[in-house]
Amino acid sequence: MKDSLLIDRVTFGYGSRLILKDVSMRFGAGQVVAIMGGSGMGKTTLLKLIGGLLKPQSGTVTFCGEKVDADDTASLYRLRRKMGMLFQFGALFTDMSVFENVAFPMREQTNLDEETIRDLVLMKLAAVGLRGAAPLMPSEISGGMSRRVALARAIALDPALILYDEPFAGLDPISMGVTANLIRRLNDSLGATSLIVTHDVAETFAIADYVYMISSQRVAAEGTPEALKRSDDPFVKQFIGGLPDGPVRFHYPAPDYGADLGFGGGQ
């Protein structure tokens, strides 16, 4: 399968704090691929590297056969036009109607006439089941509906790559199921590549073709959901099972407790 996106031996950190070390991932065209891991493990950092908001200290990110170069503005903007982004919690423009939110990227990035934009906006809203909500304001719809409007906006320009930053965060079980189903169905309809950054196991495993798990700056495990469910790897078992004990420790590394309190030793 042809790669739509390739992350090749990427290392990145903030100052002296290393976030990712020698990380490599492949994303095939037409696939739904998840990046999973605990909070602070570098999942959203990877999205920023893919979008060119951050620059790797070493390694490369390649999209549609072209290097993502944060220093080449013209090339970066051209590549971004092929990407759609569903931000965490939707990030709708609160002073724009549902219709205007979805129309926004079409007006900014194309020369389409208003009649064509109207038809396309209603088509995208129909795809997420919200054509009837077009005239409403974001304050008039639920959190789950807001996420679906944001998804309609993300696919407004039929992107080759759709990035999802925690798409299930804060949703009730029904909205989670609806959103997961939409991600899978829209990906298959568009023939796009979908990259989901998340820590929600059940919803993600139900729709993903492949999963990367990151921990301690690296890819700790990877495989299909079925293979990961059968894995005996301690980290995989702890993450999938939500277990308190395992490779991921409760306590952040710290000096000896007694010495830290000035007792000269102890626990």
Protein backbone atom coordinates (compact mmCIF):
# COMPACT_ATOMS: atom_id res chain seq x y z
CA MET A 1 0.00 0.00 0.00
CA LYS A 2 1.27 3.46 -0.94
CA ASP A 3 2.23 5.68 1.98
CA SER A 4 0.31 8.94 2.25
CA LEU A 5 2.34 10.09 5.25
CA LEU A 6 5.75 8.99 6.50
CA ILE A 7 7.43 9.94 9.76
CA ASP A 8 11.07 8.89 9.52
CA ARG A 9 13.30 8.77 12.61
CA VAL A 10 11.96 12.00 14.06
CA THR A 11 13.44 13.44 17.26
CA PHE A 12 11.97 16.51 18.96
CA GLY A 13 12.13 18.21 22.34
CA TYR A 14 11.41 21.46 24.12
CA GLY A 15 14.74 22.77 25.30
CA SER A 16 16.44 20.04 27.31
CA ARG A 17 13.18 18.05 27.67
CA LEU A 18 13.06 15.34 24.99
CA ILE A 19 9.54 14.44 23.83
CA LEU A 20 10.14 12.11 20.87
CA LYS A 21 13.27 10.12 20.08
CA ASP A 22 13.93 8.40 16.75
CA VAL A 23 10.20 7.85 16.05
CA SER A 24 9.14 6.28 12.74
CA MET A 25 5.57 5.68 11.52
CA ARG A 26 3.87 4.93 8.19
CA PHE A 27 0.32 5.84 7.20
CA GLY A 28 -1.11 4.13 4.14
CA ALA A 29 -3.55 5.83 1.79
CA GLY A 30 -7.12 4.93 2.71
CA GLN A 31 -6.25 3.77 6.22
CA VAL A 32 -7.51 4.88 9.63
CA VAL A 33 -4.40 4.89 11.83
CA ALA A 34 -4.36 5.73 15.54
CA ILE A 35 -1.58 7.15 17.69
CA MET A 36 -2.27 6.25 21.30
CA GLY A 37 -0.57 6.89 24.60
CA GLY A 38 -0.94 8.61 27.93
CA SER A 39 -1.08 12.35 28.47
CA GLY A 40 2.18 14.14 27.77
CA MET A 41 3.62 11.35 25.63
CA GLY A 42 3.95 13.48 22.48
CA LYS A 43 0.76 12.65 20.56
CA THR A 44 -0.30 16.24 19.87
CA THR A 45 3.35 17.16 19.26
CA LEU A 46 3.31 14.70 16.36
CA LEU A 47 0.30 16.47 14.87
CA LYS A 48 2.14 19.78 15.09
CA LEU A 49 5.18 18.27 13.37
CA ILE A 50 2.98 16.89 10.58
CA GLY A 51 1.32 20.28 10.10
CA GLY A 52 4.65 22.11 10.09
CA LEU A 53 3.90 24.07 13.28
CA LEU A 54 7.01 22.52 14.78
CA LYS A 55 10.29 21.50 13.17
CA PRO A 56 12.02 18.19 14.03
CA GLN A 57 15.46 18.40 15.54
CA SER A 58 16.32 15.43 13.34
CA GLY A 59 14.44 13.15 10.95
CA THR A 60 11.79 14.03 8.37
CA VAL A 61 8.03 14.13 7.87
CA THR A 62 6.91 13.41 4.30
CA PHE A 63 3.36 13.94 3.05
CA CYS A 64 2.18 13.05 -0.47
CA GLY A 65 5.81 12.43 -1.42
CA GLU A 66 6.93 15.91 -0.32
CA LYS A 67 8.91 16.86 2.77
CA VAL A 68 7.02 18.96 5.32
CA ASP A 69 9.38 21.91 5.71
CA ALA A 70 8.44 24.50 8.33
CA ASP A 71 10.94 26.93 6.76
CA ASP A 72 9.35 26.81 3.28
CA THR A 73 6.11 28.77 3.69
CA ALA A 74 4.83 28.34 0.13
CA SER A 75 5.35 24.58 0.16
CA LEU A 76 3.92 24.26 3.66
CA TYR A 77 0.71 26.11 2.77
CA ARG A 78 0.31 24.00 -0.37
CA LEU A 79 0.57 20.80 1.66
CA ARG A 80 -1.74 22.08 4.39
CA ARG A 81 -4.45 22.62 1.79
CA LYS A 82 -4.51 18.83 1.39
CA MET A 83 -5.01 18.35 5.14
CA GLY A 84 -8.15 18.59 7.24
CA MET A 85 -8.02 19.07 11.00
CA LEU A 86 -10.57 18.21 13.66
CA PHE A 87 -9.43 20.10 16.73
CA GLN A 88 -10.06 18.87 20.23
CA PHE A 89 -13.56 20.01 21.30
CA GLY A 90 -14.29 21.21 17.75
CA ALA A 91 -12.98 24.79 17.96
CA LEU A 92 -15.90 26.25 16.01
CA PHE A 93 -16.06 29.99 15.41
CA THR A 94 -18.63 30.99 18.02
CA ASP A 95 -19.84 34.09 16.18
CA MET A 96 -20.51 32.18 12.96
CA SER A 97 -23.47 29.92 12.21
CA VAL A 98 -23.03 26.21 11.53
CA PHE A 99 -23.30 26.96 7.81
CA GLU A 100 -20.70 29.75 7.95
CA ASN A 101 -18.27 27.56 9.90
CA VAL A 102 -18.28 24.88 7.20
CA ALA A 103 -18.18 27.47 4.40
CA PHE A 104 -15.16 29.23 5.92
CA PRO A 105 -12.36 27.08 4.40
CA MET A 106 -14.10 27.09 1.01
CA ARG A 107 -14.18 30.88 0.97
CA GLU A 108 -10.62 31.19 2.23
CA GLN A 109 -9.01 28.58 0.00
CA THR A 110 -11.04 28.51 -3.23
CA ASN A 111 -12.60 30.81 -5.81
CA LEU A 112 -15.94 29.01 -5.83
CA ASP A 113 -19.09 31.05 -6.30
CA GLU A 114 -21.58 31.33 -3.45
CA GLU A 115 -24.14 29.02 -5.07
CA THR A 116 -21.56 26.23 -5.37
CA ILE A 117 -20.36 26.85 -1.80
CA ARG A 118 -23.96 26.61 -0.55
CA ASP A 119 -24.46 23.25 -2.26
CA LEU A 120 -21.14 21.89 -0.97
CA VAL A 121 -21.76 23.07 2.59
CA LEU A 122 -25.17 21.40 2.69
CA MET A 123 -23.61 18.24 1.22
CA LYS A 124 -20.93 18.15 3.94
CA LEU A 125 -23.51 18.80 6.67
CA ALA A 126 -25.74 16.06 5.26
CA ALA A 127 -22.76 13.67 5.45
CA VAL A 128 -22.60 14.23 9.23
CA GLY A 129 -26.38 14.25 9.66
CA LEU A 130 -26.73 17.97 10.41
CA ARG A 131 -28.08 19.62 7.26
CA GLY A 132 -31.07 20.83 9.28
CA ALA A 133 -28.77 22.58 11.76
CA ALA A 134 -27.19 24.86 9.12
CA PRO A 135 -28.76 28.14 10.38
CA LEU A 136 -28.05 27.47 14.07
CA MET A 137 -25.25 29.05 16.10
CA PRO A 138 -22.70 26.89 17.96
CA SER A 139 -24.28 27.93 21.28
CA GLU A 140 -27.55 26.37 20.13
CA ILE A 141 -26.22 22.84 19.53
CA SER A 142 -24.84 20.11 21.79
CA GLY A 143 -21.20 19.19 22.27
CA GLY A 144 -21.60 16.08 20.15
CA MET A 145 -23.25 18.07 17.36
CA SER A 146 -20.47 20.66 17.54
CA ARG A 147 -17.91 17.93 16.99
CA ARG A 148 -19.83 16.74 13.92
CA VAL A 149 -20.01 20.29 12.51
CA ALA A 150 -16.24 20.56 13.04
CA LEU A 151 -15.84 17.28 11.17
CA ALA A 152 -17.91 18.65 8.26
CA ARG A 153 -15.57 21.67 8.23
CA ALA A 154 -12.50 19.41 8.32
CA ILE A 155 -13.62 17.58 5.17
CA ALA A 156 -14.84 20.73 3.39
CA LEU A 157 -12.03 20.61 0.81
CA ASP A 158 -11.92 16.79 0.44
CA PRO A 159 -8.47 16.47 2.06
CA ALA A 160 -6.08 13.60 1.43
CA LEU A 161 -5.20 13.53 5.14
CA ILE A 162 -7.58 14.14 8.04
CA LEU A 163 -6.04 14.75 11.47
CA TYR A 164 -8.12 14.14 14.59
CA ASP A 165 -6.91 15.48 17.94
CA GLU A 166 -8.75 13.59 20.71
CA PRO A 167 -12.04 13.37 18.76
CA PHE A 168 -13.83 11.46 21.55
CA ALA A 169 -12.85 13.72 24.48
CA GLY A 170 -15.80 14.94 26.51
CA LEU A 171 -18.46 13.08 24.52
CA ASP A 172 -21.23 10.91 25.93
CA PRO A 173 -21.27 7.21 24.88
CA ILE A 174 -23.82 7.75 22.09
CA SER A 175 -21.93 10.72 20.64
CA MET A 176 -18.69 8.73 20.86
CA GLY A 177 -20.21 5.92 18.81
CA VAL A 178 -21.65 8.36 16.25
CA THR A 179 -18.31 10.17 15.90
CA ALA A 180 -16.33 6.94 15.55
CA ASN A 181 -18.70 5.65 12.88
CA LEU A 182 -18.45 8.95 10.99
CA ILE A 183 -14.65 8.88 11.03
CA ARG A 184 -14.60 5.42 9.49
CA ARG A 185 -17.38 6.05 6.99
CA LEU A 186 -16.08 9.42 5.79
CA ASN A 187 -12.55 8.06 5.46
CA ASP A 188 -13.77 5.24 3.25
CA SER A 189 -15.98 7.56 1.18
CA LEU A 190 -13.19 10.08 0.58
CA GLY A 191 -10.41 7.52 0.14
CA ALA A 192 -8.41 9.65 2.55
CA THR A 193 -5.94 8.77 5.28
CA SER A 194 -7.20 9.44 8.80
CA LEU A 195 -4.83 9.90 11.71
CA ILE A 196 -6.46 9.75 15.14
CA VAL A 197 -4.61 10.96 18.22
CA THR A 198 -6.43 9.53 21.22
CA HIS A 199 -6.31 7.51 24.42
CA ASP A 200 -9.82 6.04 24.06
CA VAL A 201 -9.26 2.34 23.45
CA ALA A 202 -12.71 0.88 22.71
CA GLU A 203 -13.84 3.44 20.13
CA THR A 204 -10.47 3.54 18.41
CA PHE A 205 -9.95 -0.21 18.21
CA ALA A 206 -13.40 -0.56 16.64
CA ILE A 207 -12.51 1.56 13.59
CA ALA A 208 -8.69 1.66 13.23
CA ASP A 209 -6.74 -0.37 10.69
CA TYR A 210 -3.46 0.08 12.56
CA VAL A 211 -2.36 1.48 15.91
CA TYR A 212 0.88 3.01 17.19
CA MET A 213 1.37 3.26 20.95
CA ILE A 214 3.94 5.74 22.21
CA SER A 215 5.54 5.91 25.63
CA SER A 216 8.81 7.22 27.04
CA GLN A 217 9.69 9.13 23.84
CA ARG A 218 9.37 6.17 21.48
CA VAL A 219 7.00 3.81 19.70
CA ALA A 220 6.41 1.28 22.47
CA ALA A 221 4.16 -1.01 20.41
CA GLU A 222 2.37 -1.16 17.06
CA GLY A 223 0.04 -3.43 15.15
CA THR A 224 -3.57 -4.06 14.24
CA PRO A 225 -6.13 -3.76 17.04
CA GLU A 226 -6.57 -7.53 17.02
CA ALA A 227 -2.83 -8.16 17.36
CA LEU A 228 -2.48 -5.65 20.19
CA LYS A 229 -5.37 -7.23 22.07
CA ARG A 230 -3.46 -10.54 22.00
CA SER A 231 -0.13 -8.94 22.96
CA ASP A 232 1.71 -10.05 26.09
CA ASP A 233 3.73 -6.83 26.18
CA PRO A 234 3.39 -5.36 29.72
CA PHE A 235 2.87 -1.80 28.47
CA VAL A 236 0.20 -2.83 25.96
CA LYS A 237 -1.64 -4.89 28.58
CA GLN A 238 -1.51 -2.03 31.08
CA PHE A 239 -2.73 0.57 28.58
CA ILE A 240 -5.54 -1.47 27.07
CA GLY A 241 -6.69 -2.74 30.45
CA GLY A 242 -6.33 0.61 32.22
CA LEU A 243 -4.27 -1.08 34.92
CA PRO A 244 -2.73 1.04 37.71
CA ASP A 245 0.39 -1.13 37.95
CA GLY A 246 2.83 -1.72 35.13
CA PRO A 247 5.63 -0.05 33.15
CA VAL A 248 3.87 3.33 33.38
CA ARG A 249 4.38 4.32 37.00
CA PHE A 250 2.13 6.42 39.21
CA HIS A 251 5.00 8.45 40.69
CA TYR A 252 6.94 10.93 38.56
CA PRO A 253 10.73 10.35 39.03
CA ALA A 254 11.94 12.20 42.13
CA PRO A 255 14.82 12.17 44.65
CA ASP A 256 14.65 9.87 47.65
CA TYR A 257 11.61 11.00 49.70
CA GLY A 258 13.36 11.17 53.05
CA ALA A 259 16.35 13.00 51.65
CA ASP A 260 14.03 15.42 49.84
CA LEU A 261 12.39 16.27 53.19
CA GLY A 262 15.76 16.75 54.85
CA PHE A 263 15.73 13.56 56.92
CA GLY A 264 18.94 12.24 55.37
CA GLY A 265 17.44 9.03 53.96
CA GLY A 266 14.50 6.68 54.25
CA GLN A 267 11.54 6.17 51.98
